[in-house]
Amino acid sequence: MKKLLLSLLLVLFVVVDAQALTTAKGGVNVLPEPLPESAGQLIYEEMGCPTCHGYQGGGDGFMAEGLTAKPRNFTDFKSMSRLADMTMFHSIKNGIPETGMPAWNLTDKQIFDVILYIKTFLADSQMTIVVCLNEKREIDVRNLNLKNNYSVGVDRQEFLKVASKGNRVLIEPKDTNVMRYFKKTRRSLVRTHVMVNGEEMDSESALIVVRIRDCVK
C-alpha cells in the first residue's frame, strides 16, 4: 500500500512539474521554440547567440543590457548594408576585443551558414539566385505585399548593379570588379545581398541572396 501511494505521489509530482514548465503567466500554455529551419539557425541558437543578439536578431537578448558595447541589431538594414560579410566572418572567428563578443571555434562553412541566417533577419521572405559574370537577371516582386512602392539596396555595391523597373528588380554583376576580386582571392564565387523594402508601414520586405560565379552564360 505504501509503495502504491508513493508511486501515485511520484506521478502527480511529474504531471504538476511538467505543467509548470509549459504554462506561462496567466495560465496560457507555451509551446517549445520551433525547430531550426537551417544549419545557420541551428548554430546560431546552439552557440547561445540569442542571449545577446536575441532570437529575432534585434540586439535585445537578456544579457544585452549588461554589456557596455551593445550587441549589433541585425534587423537594421542601414547598419547591416555597411557591414561586409568578411567583417562578420572575422568577428565570429576571432571575436571582438573589449566587447562581449567571443571567438567561436567554427569551420569556415559553419560561419558562412551563420552569416546567411543573420541576413534573413532583414526580411519577411528570402530567395537565392546564381548568376554568371555576363548575365543579367530580372526578379519579379509582384508576389510581395509592396503596394507598388518599394526601394532596393545592395550591401556590396562594388560587385552588383541593382535597379527597379515596374514590378521587377534588375540585377547585373559588375564584371570588371568581380573578375579583379576573383583574381586577387583565387576564388570563383562572390556573394552579395539585395534588399527589397516596401515603403508602406505594413509592407513586406525580401532578401535576395545573389551568388556571382566565374562562368559564362
N, C-alpha and C. Protein backbone atom coordinates (compact mmCIF):
# COMPACT_ATOMS: atom_id res chain seq x y z
N MET A 1 0.84 -1.20 0.00
CA MET A 1 0.00 0.00 0.00
C MET A 1 0.88 1.26 0.00
N LYS A 2 1.95 1.21 0.81
CA LYS A 2 2.85 2.36 0.85
C LYS A 2 3.53 2.57 -0.50
N LYS A 3 3.91 1.44 -1.16
CA LYS A 3 4.55 1.54 -2.47
C LYS A 3 3.60 2.16 -3.49
N LEU A 4 2.31 1.75 -3.44
CA LEU A 4 1.31 2.27 -4.37
C LEU A 4 1.12 3.76 -4.15
N LEU A 5 1.03 4.18 -2.86
CA LEU A 5 0.85 5.59 -2.53
C LEU A 5 2.05 6.41 -3.00
N LEU A 6 3.27 5.87 -2.81
CA LEU A 6 4.48 6.56 -3.23
C LEU A 6 4.51 6.72 -4.75
N SER A 7 4.07 5.69 -5.46
CA SER A 7 4.04 5.74 -6.93
C SER A 7 3.07 6.80 -7.41
N LEU A 8 1.89 6.87 -6.77
CA LEU A 8 0.88 7.86 -7.16
C LEU A 8 1.38 9.28 -6.92
N LEU A 9 2.06 9.49 -5.77
CA LEU A 9 2.60 10.80 -5.47
C LEU A 9 3.68 11.20 -6.48
N LEU A 10 4.50 10.22 -6.90
CA LEU A 10 5.56 10.50 -7.87
C LEU A 10 4.96 10.89 -9.22
N VAL A 11 3.92 10.18 -9.66
CA VAL A 11 3.25 10.51 -10.92
C VAL A 11 2.64 11.90 -10.85
N LEU A 12 1.98 12.21 -9.71
CA LEU A 12 1.36 13.52 -9.54
C LEU A 12 2.41 14.63 -9.59
N PHE A 13 3.56 14.39 -8.97
CA PHE A 13 4.64 15.39 -8.96
C PHE A 13 5.14 15.65 -10.38
N VAL A 14 5.32 14.59 -11.16
CA VAL A 14 5.82 14.73 -12.54
C VAL A 14 4.83 15.50 -13.38
N VAL A 15 3.52 15.20 -13.24
CA VAL A 15 2.49 15.87 -14.02
C VAL A 15 2.44 17.35 -13.69
N VAL A 16 2.44 17.68 -12.38
CA VAL A 16 2.38 19.08 -11.96
C VAL A 16 3.64 19.82 -12.40
N ASP A 17 4.80 19.18 -12.27
CA ASP A 17 6.05 19.83 -12.64
C ASP A 17 6.09 20.08 -14.15
N ALA A 18 5.62 19.12 -14.95
CA ALA A 18 5.60 19.29 -16.40
C ALA A 18 4.66 20.41 -16.80
N GLN A 19 3.51 20.51 -16.11
CA GLN A 19 2.56 21.58 -16.41
C GLN A 19 3.16 22.94 -16.07
N ALA A 20 3.91 23.00 -14.98
CA ALA A 20 4.53 24.27 -14.59
C ALA A 20 5.54 24.73 -15.63
N LEU A 21 6.24 23.77 -16.26
CA LEU A 21 7.24 24.13 -17.25
C LEU A 21 6.63 24.59 -18.55
N THR A 22 5.39 24.19 -18.84
CA THR A 22 4.78 24.50 -20.13
C THR A 22 3.66 25.52 -20.01
N THR A 23 3.55 26.18 -18.85
CA THR A 23 2.49 27.16 -18.66
C THR A 23 3.09 28.50 -18.30
N ALA A 24 2.70 29.54 -19.01
CA ALA A 24 3.22 30.89 -18.75
C ALA A 24 2.31 31.59 -17.77
N LYS A 25 2.66 32.85 -17.43
CA LYS A 25 1.84 33.62 -16.53
C LYS A 25 0.46 33.84 -17.14
N GLY A 26 -0.55 33.77 -16.32
CA GLY A 26 -1.91 33.94 -16.82
C GLY A 26 -2.53 32.64 -17.28
N GLY A 27 -1.80 31.53 -17.10
CA GLY A 27 -2.35 30.23 -17.42
C GLY A 27 -2.35 29.90 -18.90
N VAL A 28 -1.57 30.60 -19.71
CA VAL A 28 -1.52 30.32 -21.15
C VAL A 28 -0.42 29.33 -21.42
N ASN A 29 -0.74 28.23 -22.09
CA ASN A 29 0.26 27.23 -22.40
C ASN A 29 1.28 27.78 -23.38
N VAL A 30 2.54 27.45 -23.15
CA VAL A 30 3.63 27.91 -24.00
C VAL A 30 4.23 26.71 -24.71
N LEU A 31 4.26 26.75 -26.03
CA LEU A 31 4.87 25.67 -26.80
C LEU A 31 6.37 25.87 -26.85
N PRO A 32 7.15 24.80 -27.02
CA PRO A 32 8.60 24.94 -27.12
C PRO A 32 8.97 25.77 -28.35
N GLU A 33 10.23 26.29 -28.38
CA GLU A 33 10.70 27.00 -29.56
C GLU A 33 10.65 26.07 -30.77
N PRO A 34 10.23 26.58 -31.94
CA PRO A 34 10.20 25.74 -33.14
C PRO A 34 11.59 25.25 -33.50
N LEU A 35 11.66 24.10 -34.15
CA LEU A 35 12.95 23.55 -34.54
C LEU A 35 13.62 24.44 -35.57
N PRO A 36 14.96 24.54 -35.54
CA PRO A 36 15.68 25.35 -36.52
C PRO A 36 15.38 24.89 -37.94
N GLU A 37 15.30 25.84 -38.87
CA GLU A 37 14.98 25.52 -40.26
C GLU A 37 16.20 25.52 -41.16
N SER A 38 17.38 25.87 -40.62
CA SER A 38 18.59 25.88 -41.44
C SER A 38 19.78 25.57 -40.56
N ALA A 39 20.91 25.21 -41.21
CA ALA A 39 22.13 24.92 -40.46
C ALA A 39 22.60 26.16 -39.71
N GLY A 40 22.47 27.33 -40.35
CA GLY A 40 22.90 28.57 -39.71
C GLY A 40 22.08 28.89 -38.47
N GLN A 41 20.78 28.65 -38.54
CA GLN A 41 19.92 28.91 -37.38
C GLN A 41 20.26 27.96 -36.24
N LEU A 42 20.53 26.70 -36.56
CA LEU A 42 20.88 25.72 -35.54
C LEU A 42 22.16 26.14 -34.81
N ILE A 43 23.17 26.57 -35.56
CA ILE A 43 24.43 27.01 -34.95
C ILE A 43 24.20 28.28 -34.12
N TYR A 44 23.46 29.22 -34.68
CA TYR A 44 23.17 30.49 -34.01
C TYR A 44 22.54 30.26 -32.64
N GLU A 45 21.61 29.31 -32.59
CA GLU A 45 20.90 29.05 -31.33
C GLU A 45 21.72 28.18 -30.39
N GLU A 46 22.40 27.17 -30.93
CA GLU A 46 23.17 26.27 -30.07
C GLU A 46 24.38 26.97 -29.45
N MET A 47 24.97 27.92 -30.14
CA MET A 47 26.13 28.64 -29.61
C MET A 47 25.74 29.73 -28.63
N GLY A 48 24.43 29.94 -28.45
CA GLY A 48 23.97 30.92 -27.46
C GLY A 48 23.91 32.34 -27.95
N CYS A 49 23.95 32.55 -29.26
CA CYS A 49 23.91 33.92 -29.80
C CYS A 49 22.66 34.70 -29.36
N PRO A 50 21.49 34.06 -29.22
CA PRO A 50 20.29 34.81 -28.81
C PRO A 50 20.40 35.46 -27.44
N THR A 51 21.30 34.99 -26.58
CA THR A 51 21.41 35.59 -25.25
C THR A 51 21.82 37.06 -25.33
N CYS A 52 22.54 37.43 -26.38
CA CYS A 52 22.93 38.84 -26.58
C CYS A 52 22.19 39.47 -27.75
N HIS A 53 22.14 38.76 -28.87
CA HIS A 53 21.57 39.33 -30.09
C HIS A 53 20.06 39.12 -30.20
N GLY A 54 19.50 38.23 -29.38
CA GLY A 54 18.06 37.98 -29.43
C GLY A 54 17.70 36.93 -30.48
N TYR A 55 16.57 36.28 -30.26
CA TYR A 55 16.13 35.24 -31.21
C TYR A 55 15.72 35.84 -32.55
N GLN A 56 15.30 37.10 -32.56
CA GLN A 56 14.92 37.76 -33.81
C GLN A 56 16.02 38.70 -34.32
N GLY A 57 17.22 38.65 -33.68
CA GLY A 57 18.35 39.42 -34.17
C GLY A 57 18.32 40.89 -33.86
N GLY A 58 17.46 41.32 -32.96
CA GLY A 58 17.30 42.75 -32.69
C GLY A 58 18.32 43.33 -31.72
N GLY A 59 19.30 42.53 -31.27
CA GLY A 59 20.29 43.02 -30.32
C GLY A 59 19.71 43.22 -28.93
N ASP A 60 18.62 42.52 -28.63
CA ASP A 60 17.89 42.72 -27.38
C ASP A 60 17.81 41.46 -26.53
N GLY A 61 18.85 40.62 -26.59
CA GLY A 61 18.87 39.43 -25.75
C GLY A 61 18.93 39.80 -24.28
N PHE A 62 18.67 38.84 -23.39
CA PHE A 62 18.54 39.16 -21.97
C PHE A 62 19.87 39.63 -21.35
N MET A 63 21.00 39.37 -22.00
CA MET A 63 22.29 39.82 -21.46
C MET A 63 22.73 41.16 -22.08
N ALA A 64 21.96 41.66 -23.05
CA ALA A 64 22.37 42.87 -23.77
C ALA A 64 22.50 44.09 -22.87
N GLU A 65 21.58 44.23 -21.89
CA GLU A 65 21.59 45.41 -21.03
C GLU A 65 22.85 45.52 -20.18
N GLY A 66 23.46 44.41 -19.88
CA GLY A 66 24.65 44.43 -19.04
C GLY A 66 25.94 44.65 -19.80
N LEU A 67 25.87 44.82 -21.12
CA LEU A 67 27.06 44.99 -21.93
C LEU A 67 27.28 46.47 -22.26
N THR A 68 28.51 46.93 -22.12
CA THR A 68 28.83 48.32 -22.46
C THR A 68 28.73 48.55 -23.96
N ALA A 69 29.34 47.66 -24.73
CA ALA A 69 29.21 47.71 -26.19
C ALA A 69 27.98 46.87 -26.55
N LYS A 70 26.91 47.51 -26.96
CA LYS A 70 25.66 46.82 -27.21
C LYS A 70 25.77 45.88 -28.41
N PRO A 71 25.14 44.71 -28.34
CA PRO A 71 25.16 43.78 -29.47
C PRO A 71 24.56 44.41 -30.72
N ARG A 72 25.08 44.02 -31.86
CA ARG A 72 24.60 44.58 -33.13
C ARG A 72 23.15 44.18 -33.38
N ASN A 73 22.38 45.13 -33.91
CA ASN A 73 21.00 44.89 -34.30
C ASN A 73 20.99 44.40 -35.75
N PHE A 74 20.77 43.12 -35.94
CA PHE A 74 20.82 42.53 -37.28
C PHE A 74 19.61 42.89 -38.13
N THR A 75 18.61 43.54 -37.55
CA THR A 75 17.42 43.90 -38.32
C THR A 75 17.51 45.33 -38.87
N ASP A 76 18.59 46.03 -38.58
CA ASP A 76 18.79 47.40 -39.04
C ASP A 76 19.51 47.38 -40.39
N PHE A 77 18.76 47.57 -41.48
CA PHE A 77 19.35 47.44 -42.82
C PHE A 77 20.41 48.50 -43.06
N LYS A 78 20.20 49.72 -42.56
CA LYS A 78 21.17 50.79 -42.78
C LYS A 78 22.53 50.40 -42.20
N SER A 79 22.52 49.83 -41.02
CA SER A 79 23.76 49.40 -40.38
C SER A 79 24.33 48.16 -41.06
N MET A 80 23.47 47.21 -41.37
CA MET A 80 23.92 45.95 -41.96
C MET A 80 24.42 46.13 -43.38
N SER A 81 23.88 47.12 -44.11
CA SER A 81 24.30 47.32 -45.50
C SER A 81 25.74 47.80 -45.58
N ARG A 82 26.26 48.36 -44.49
CA ARG A 82 27.65 48.83 -44.46
C ARG A 82 28.59 47.77 -43.89
N LEU A 83 28.03 46.63 -43.50
CA LEU A 83 28.82 45.58 -42.85
C LEU A 83 29.14 44.47 -43.84
N ALA A 84 30.40 44.35 -44.23
CA ALA A 84 30.81 43.33 -45.20
C ALA A 84 30.75 41.94 -44.58
N ASP A 85 30.49 40.95 -45.42
CA ASP A 85 30.43 39.58 -44.93
C ASP A 85 31.74 39.16 -44.27
N MET A 86 32.87 39.57 -44.85
CA MET A 86 34.16 39.16 -44.29
C MET A 86 34.43 39.83 -42.94
N THR A 87 33.85 41.01 -42.71
CA THR A 87 33.96 41.64 -41.40
C THR A 87 33.22 40.80 -40.36
N MET A 88 32.02 40.36 -40.74
CA MET A 88 31.26 39.48 -39.85
C MET A 88 32.00 38.16 -39.63
N PHE A 89 32.59 37.65 -40.71
CA PHE A 89 33.33 36.39 -40.63
C PHE A 89 34.44 36.49 -39.58
N HIS A 90 35.26 37.54 -39.67
CA HIS A 90 36.38 37.70 -38.74
C HIS A 90 35.90 37.97 -37.32
N SER A 91 34.75 38.66 -37.17
CA SER A 91 34.21 38.91 -35.84
C SER A 91 33.77 37.62 -35.16
N ILE A 92 33.17 36.72 -35.94
CA ILE A 92 32.73 35.44 -35.39
C ILE A 92 33.92 34.53 -35.11
N LYS A 93 34.86 34.53 -36.03
CA LYS A 93 36.02 33.62 -35.90
C LYS A 93 36.99 34.06 -34.82
N ASN A 94 37.24 35.37 -34.72
CA ASN A 94 38.27 35.88 -33.82
C ASN A 94 37.72 36.65 -32.62
N GLY A 95 36.42 36.93 -32.61
CA GLY A 95 35.85 37.72 -31.55
C GLY A 95 36.15 39.20 -31.74
N ILE A 96 35.61 40.05 -30.87
CA ILE A 96 35.83 41.49 -30.93
C ILE A 96 36.38 41.93 -29.58
N PRO A 97 37.63 42.40 -29.54
CA PRO A 97 38.24 42.80 -28.26
C PRO A 97 37.43 43.88 -27.54
N GLU A 98 37.45 43.83 -26.22
CA GLU A 98 36.81 44.81 -25.34
C GLU A 98 35.29 44.86 -25.53
N THR A 99 34.73 43.79 -25.99
CA THR A 99 33.26 43.66 -26.06
C THR A 99 32.90 42.28 -25.51
N GLY A 100 31.62 41.97 -25.51
CA GLY A 100 31.19 40.66 -25.05
C GLY A 100 31.22 39.60 -26.13
N MET A 101 31.74 39.95 -27.33
CA MET A 101 31.76 39.02 -28.45
C MET A 101 32.99 38.14 -28.40
N PRO A 102 32.83 36.83 -28.11
CA PRO A 102 33.98 35.92 -28.03
C PRO A 102 34.31 35.34 -29.41
N ALA A 103 35.44 34.66 -29.49
CA ALA A 103 35.79 33.92 -30.70
C ALA A 103 35.11 32.56 -30.65
N TRP A 104 34.64 32.10 -31.82
CA TRP A 104 33.94 30.83 -31.88
C TRP A 104 34.74 29.81 -32.69
N ASN A 105 34.81 28.61 -32.19
CA ASN A 105 35.56 27.54 -32.86
C ASN A 105 34.64 26.85 -33.88
N LEU A 106 34.47 27.51 -35.02
CA LEU A 106 33.60 27.01 -36.09
C LEU A 106 34.39 26.88 -37.38
N THR A 107 33.94 26.00 -38.26
CA THR A 107 34.57 25.90 -39.57
C THR A 107 34.14 27.10 -40.41
N ASP A 108 34.86 27.34 -41.50
CA ASP A 108 34.51 28.46 -42.38
C ASP A 108 33.09 28.30 -42.90
N LYS A 109 32.71 27.08 -43.28
CA LYS A 109 31.36 26.84 -43.79
C LYS A 109 30.31 27.14 -42.73
N GLN A 110 30.56 26.73 -41.50
CA GLN A 110 29.61 27.00 -40.42
C GLN A 110 29.45 28.50 -40.20
N ILE A 111 30.55 29.23 -40.27
CA ILE A 111 30.47 30.68 -40.08
C ILE A 111 29.65 31.33 -41.18
N PHE A 112 29.88 30.92 -42.43
CA PHE A 112 29.11 31.49 -43.53
C PHE A 112 27.63 31.08 -43.45
N ASP A 113 27.36 29.89 -42.90
CA ASP A 113 25.96 29.48 -42.68
C ASP A 113 25.30 30.41 -41.67
N VAL A 114 26.03 30.77 -40.63
CA VAL A 114 25.50 31.69 -39.62
C VAL A 114 25.27 33.07 -40.23
N ILE A 115 26.21 33.54 -41.03
CA ILE A 115 26.08 34.86 -41.68
C ILE A 115 24.85 34.88 -42.57
N LEU A 116 24.64 33.81 -43.34
CA LEU A 116 23.46 33.75 -44.20
C LEU A 116 22.19 33.78 -43.38
N TYR A 117 22.18 33.08 -42.24
CA TYR A 117 20.99 33.10 -41.38
C TYR A 117 20.77 34.49 -40.79
N ILE A 118 21.84 35.15 -40.38
CA ILE A 118 21.72 36.51 -39.83
C ILE A 118 21.09 37.45 -40.85
N LYS A 119 21.44 37.28 -42.12
CA LYS A 119 20.88 38.13 -43.18
C LYS A 119 19.37 37.99 -43.28
N THR A 120 18.84 36.82 -42.90
CA THR A 120 17.40 36.60 -43.03
C THR A 120 16.61 37.44 -42.02
N PHE A 121 17.27 37.98 -40.98
CA PHE A 121 16.56 38.84 -40.03
C PHE A 121 16.07 40.12 -40.69
N LEU A 122 16.64 40.46 -41.83
CA LEU A 122 16.26 41.70 -42.52
C LEU A 122 14.99 41.56 -43.33
N ALA A 123 14.51 40.36 -43.52
CA ALA A 123 13.43 40.17 -44.50
C ALA A 123 12.31 39.27 -44.00
N ASP A 124 11.12 39.45 -44.64
CA ASP A 124 9.99 38.57 -44.39
C ASP A 124 10.12 37.31 -45.24
N SER A 125 10.79 37.42 -46.38
CA SER A 125 10.98 36.27 -47.25
C SER A 125 12.37 36.35 -47.86
N GLN A 126 12.82 35.23 -48.39
CA GLN A 126 14.18 35.16 -48.90
C GLN A 126 14.23 34.25 -50.11
N MET A 127 15.12 34.58 -51.05
CA MET A 127 15.37 33.71 -52.19
C MET A 127 16.84 33.79 -52.54
N THR A 128 17.37 32.72 -53.13
CA THR A 128 18.76 32.69 -53.55
C THR A 128 18.84 32.44 -55.04
N ILE A 129 19.65 33.24 -55.74
CA ILE A 129 19.84 33.04 -57.17
C ILE A 129 21.33 32.98 -57.46
N VAL A 130 21.69 32.27 -58.54
CA VAL A 130 23.07 32.18 -59.00
C VAL A 130 23.15 32.82 -60.37
N VAL A 131 24.08 33.76 -60.56
CA VAL A 131 24.25 34.42 -61.85
C VAL A 131 25.70 34.32 -62.29
N CYS A 132 25.89 34.26 -63.61
CA CYS A 132 27.24 34.27 -64.16
C CYS A 132 27.69 35.72 -64.36
N LEU A 133 28.98 35.89 -64.62
CA LEU A 133 29.54 37.23 -64.75
C LEU A 133 28.85 38.09 -65.79
N ASN A 134 28.55 37.50 -66.94
CA ASN A 134 27.99 38.29 -68.04
C ASN A 134 26.46 38.23 -68.09
N GLU A 135 25.85 37.78 -67.02
CA GLU A 135 24.41 37.53 -67.03
C GLU A 135 23.64 38.66 -66.35
N LYS A 136 22.51 39.04 -66.96
CA LYS A 136 21.59 39.98 -66.35
C LYS A 136 20.36 39.20 -65.90
N ARG A 137 19.79 39.59 -64.78
CA ARG A 137 18.64 38.85 -64.25
C ARG A 137 17.55 39.82 -63.82
N GLU A 138 16.30 39.42 -64.05
CA GLU A 138 15.16 40.19 -63.60
C GLU A 138 14.38 39.36 -62.59
N ILE A 139 14.06 39.97 -61.45
CA ILE A 139 13.31 39.29 -60.40
C ILE A 139 11.94 39.95 -60.27
N ASP A 140 10.89 39.15 -60.40
CA ASP A 140 9.52 39.66 -60.27
C ASP A 140 9.16 39.76 -58.79
N VAL A 141 8.73 40.93 -58.35
CA VAL A 141 8.41 41.14 -56.93
C VAL A 141 6.91 41.29 -56.69
N ARG A 142 6.10 40.90 -57.66
CA ARG A 142 4.66 41.08 -57.50
C ARG A 142 4.04 40.16 -56.44
N ASN A 143 4.78 39.13 -56.04
CA ASN A 143 4.24 38.24 -55.01
C ASN A 143 4.40 38.81 -53.61
N LEU A 144 5.05 39.97 -53.50
CA LEU A 144 5.21 40.61 -52.20
C LEU A 144 4.17 41.70 -52.02
N ASN A 145 3.83 41.96 -50.76
CA ASN A 145 2.84 42.99 -50.44
C ASN A 145 3.52 44.36 -50.37
N LEU A 146 3.99 44.86 -51.55
CA LEU A 146 4.76 46.09 -51.57
C LEU A 146 3.93 47.31 -51.95
N LYS A 147 2.68 47.12 -52.29
CA LYS A 147 1.76 48.22 -52.61
C LYS A 147 2.33 49.13 -53.69
N ASN A 148 3.02 48.54 -54.67
CA ASN A 148 3.54 49.23 -55.86
C ASN A 148 4.65 50.25 -55.56
N ASN A 149 4.99 50.45 -54.31
CA ASN A 149 6.07 51.36 -53.96
C ASN A 149 7.12 50.61 -53.15
N TYR A 150 8.32 50.53 -53.66
CA TYR A 150 9.35 49.82 -52.94
C TYR A 150 10.72 50.40 -53.31
N SER A 151 11.70 50.08 -52.50
CA SER A 151 13.07 50.51 -52.75
C SER A 151 13.99 49.30 -52.72
N VAL A 152 15.12 49.42 -53.41
CA VAL A 152 16.08 48.33 -53.42
C VAL A 152 17.44 48.84 -52.97
N GLY A 153 18.21 47.96 -52.34
CA GLY A 153 19.55 48.30 -51.92
C GLY A 153 20.42 47.06 -51.97
N VAL A 154 21.72 47.25 -52.10
CA VAL A 154 22.65 46.12 -52.16
C VAL A 154 23.80 46.38 -51.18
N ASP A 155 24.25 45.34 -50.50
CA ASP A 155 25.27 45.54 -49.47
C ASP A 155 26.69 45.59 -50.04
N ARG A 156 26.90 45.11 -51.25
CA ARG A 156 28.24 45.15 -51.85
C ARG A 156 28.13 45.77 -53.24
N GLN A 157 27.99 47.06 -53.25
CA GLN A 157 27.73 47.78 -54.49
C GLN A 157 28.88 47.69 -55.48
N GLU A 158 30.07 47.37 -55.02
CA GLU A 158 31.21 47.25 -55.94
C GLU A 158 31.09 46.04 -56.85
N PHE A 159 30.23 45.08 -56.47
CA PHE A 159 30.11 43.85 -57.25
C PHE A 159 28.81 43.73 -58.05
N LEU A 160 27.80 44.51 -57.68
CA LEU A 160 26.48 44.30 -58.27
C LEU A 160 25.77 45.61 -58.57
N LYS A 161 25.20 45.69 -59.77
CA LYS A 161 24.39 46.83 -60.15
C LYS A 161 22.93 46.43 -60.00
N VAL A 162 22.15 47.23 -59.27
CA VAL A 162 20.75 46.91 -59.00
C VAL A 162 19.87 48.10 -59.32
N ALA A 163 18.74 47.83 -59.96
CA ALA A 163 17.78 48.89 -60.28
C ALA A 163 16.39 48.28 -60.25
N SER A 164 15.38 49.14 -60.21
CA SER A 164 13.99 48.66 -60.23
C SER A 164 13.27 49.24 -61.43
N LYS A 165 12.39 48.45 -61.99
CA LYS A 165 11.60 48.88 -63.14
C LYS A 165 10.24 48.22 -63.05
N GLY A 166 9.23 49.01 -62.68
CA GLY A 166 7.88 48.44 -62.52
C GLY A 166 7.88 47.41 -61.42
N ASN A 167 7.45 46.20 -61.74
CA ASN A 167 7.37 45.12 -60.76
C ASN A 167 8.61 44.24 -60.76
N ARG A 168 9.68 44.71 -61.37
CA ARG A 168 10.88 43.88 -61.48
C ARG A 168 12.11 44.57 -60.91
N VAL A 169 12.96 43.74 -60.29
CA VAL A 169 14.26 44.19 -59.82
C VAL A 169 15.30 43.69 -60.82
N LEU A 170 16.10 44.60 -61.35
CA LEU A 170 17.11 44.27 -62.35
C LEU A 170 18.46 44.10 -61.67
N ILE A 171 19.10 42.95 -61.91
CA ILE A 171 20.37 42.62 -61.27
C ILE A 171 21.42 42.32 -62.34
N GLU A 172 22.59 42.97 -62.21
CA GLU A 172 23.67 42.77 -63.18
C GLU A 172 25.03 42.85 -62.48
N PRO A 173 25.84 41.79 -62.57
CA PRO A 173 27.18 41.82 -61.96
C PRO A 173 28.07 42.86 -62.62
N LYS A 174 28.96 43.48 -61.84
CA LYS A 174 29.96 44.40 -62.38
C LYS A 174 31.19 43.56 -62.72
N ASP A 175 31.25 43.14 -63.99
CA ASP A 175 32.22 42.13 -64.42
C ASP A 175 33.66 42.46 -64.03
N THR A 176 34.10 43.69 -64.30
CA THR A 176 35.50 44.05 -64.07
C THR A 176 35.87 43.93 -62.59
N ASN A 177 35.03 44.45 -61.72
CA ASN A 177 35.31 44.40 -60.28
C ASN A 177 35.29 42.97 -59.76
N VAL A 178 34.33 42.18 -60.23
CA VAL A 178 34.22 40.80 -59.77
C VAL A 178 35.41 39.99 -60.23
N MET A 179 35.83 40.18 -61.49
CA MET A 179 36.98 39.44 -62.01
C MET A 179 38.24 39.82 -61.26
N ARG A 180 38.38 41.09 -60.91
CA ARG A 180 39.54 41.54 -60.14
C ARG A 180 39.55 40.86 -58.76
N TYR A 181 38.37 40.73 -58.18
CA TYR A 181 38.25 40.08 -56.88
C TYR A 181 38.61 38.59 -56.99
N PHE A 182 38.11 37.92 -58.03
CA PHE A 182 38.42 36.51 -58.23
C PHE A 182 39.93 36.29 -58.39
N LYS A 183 40.55 37.15 -59.16
CA LYS A 183 41.98 37.02 -59.41
C LYS A 183 42.78 37.25 -58.14
N LYS A 184 42.36 38.22 -57.35
CA LYS A 184 43.09 38.57 -56.13
C LYS A 184 42.93 37.50 -55.06
N THR A 185 41.74 36.95 -54.93
CA THR A 185 41.46 35.99 -53.85
C THR A 185 41.55 34.54 -54.29
N ARG A 186 41.68 34.33 -55.61
CA ARG A 186 41.71 32.97 -56.18
C ARG A 186 40.42 32.21 -55.88
N ARG A 187 39.34 32.93 -55.88
CA ARG A 187 38.03 32.32 -55.69
C ARG A 187 37.24 32.39 -56.98
N SER A 188 36.15 31.65 -57.01
CA SER A 188 35.31 31.63 -58.22
C SER A 188 33.85 31.96 -57.89
N LEU A 189 33.62 32.49 -56.67
CA LEU A 189 32.27 32.84 -56.27
C LEU A 189 32.31 34.01 -55.30
N VAL A 190 31.40 34.94 -55.46
CA VAL A 190 31.23 36.02 -54.50
C VAL A 190 29.74 36.15 -54.19
N ARG A 191 29.41 36.44 -52.95
CA ARG A 191 28.02 36.51 -52.54
C ARG A 191 27.65 37.94 -52.15
N THR A 192 26.53 38.41 -52.65
CA THR A 192 26.01 39.72 -52.30
C THR A 192 24.56 39.56 -51.87
N HIS A 193 23.98 40.61 -51.30
CA HIS A 193 22.60 40.57 -50.83
C HIS A 193 21.85 41.80 -51.29
N VAL A 194 20.70 41.59 -51.87
CA VAL A 194 19.83 42.67 -52.32
C VAL A 194 18.61 42.71 -51.41
N MET A 195 18.31 43.89 -50.88
CA MET A 195 17.15 44.06 -50.01
C MET A 195 16.07 44.81 -50.75
N VAL A 196 14.85 44.27 -50.74
CA VAL A 196 13.70 44.91 -51.37
C VAL A 196 12.73 45.29 -50.25
N ASN A 197 12.51 46.59 -50.06
CA ASN A 197 11.68 47.08 -48.96
C ASN A 197 10.45 47.81 -49.48
N GLY A 198 9.28 47.44 -48.97
CA GLY A 198 8.07 48.20 -49.26
C GLY A 198 8.09 49.50 -48.49
N GLU A 199 7.58 50.56 -49.08
CA GLU A 199 7.61 51.87 -48.43
C GLU A 199 6.47 52.07 -47.44
N GLU A 200 5.42 51.25 -47.54
CA GLU A 200 4.31 51.35 -46.60
C GLU A 200 4.68 50.66 -45.29
N MET A 201 4.08 51.13 -44.19
CA MET A 201 4.42 50.59 -42.88
C MET A 201 4.13 49.10 -42.77
N ASP A 202 3.03 48.64 -43.41
CA ASP A 202 2.65 47.24 -43.28
C ASP A 202 3.13 46.40 -44.46
N SER A 203 4.00 46.95 -45.30
CA SER A 203 4.51 46.21 -46.44
C SER A 203 5.57 45.21 -45.99
N GLU A 204 5.77 44.19 -46.80
CA GLU A 204 6.77 43.19 -46.51
C GLU A 204 8.10 43.58 -47.15
N SER A 205 9.12 42.84 -46.82
CA SER A 205 10.43 43.04 -47.41
C SER A 205 11.01 41.68 -47.78
N ALA A 206 11.93 41.69 -48.73
CA ALA A 206 12.52 40.43 -49.18
C ALA A 206 14.03 40.57 -49.29
N LEU A 207 14.72 39.49 -49.01
CA LEU A 207 16.17 39.44 -49.15
C LEU A 207 16.49 38.51 -50.31
N ILE A 208 17.24 39.02 -51.28
CA ILE A 208 17.67 38.21 -52.42
C ILE A 208 19.16 37.96 -52.28
N VAL A 209 19.53 36.71 -52.04
CA VAL A 209 20.93 36.33 -51.95
C VAL A 209 21.42 36.06 -53.37
N VAL A 210 22.42 36.82 -53.81
CA VAL A 210 22.94 36.68 -55.18
C VAL A 210 24.34 36.09 -55.13
N ARG A 211 24.49 34.93 -55.74
CA ARG A 211 25.80 34.27 -55.83
C ARG A 211 26.34 34.49 -57.25
N ILE A 212 27.43 35.23 -57.36
CA ILE A 212 28.02 35.51 -58.67
C ILE A 212 29.16 34.52 -58.90
N ARG A 213 29.06 33.75 -59.97
CA ARG A 213 30.07 32.73 -60.26
C ARG A 213 30.92 33.11 -61.47
N ASP A 214 32.10 32.56 -61.50
CA ASP A 214 33.02 32.77 -62.61
C ASP A 214 32.64 31.82 -63.73
N CYS A 215 31.60 32.19 -64.46
CA CYS A 215 31.10 31.36 -65.54
C CYS A 215 30.54 32.26 -66.63
N VAL A 216 30.27 31.68 -67.78
CA VAL A 216 29.71 32.43 -68.91
C VAL A 216 28.41 31.76 -69.31
N LYS A 217 27.38 32.60 -69.53
CA LYS A 217 26.09 32.05 -69.91
C LYS A 217 25.56 32.74 -71.16
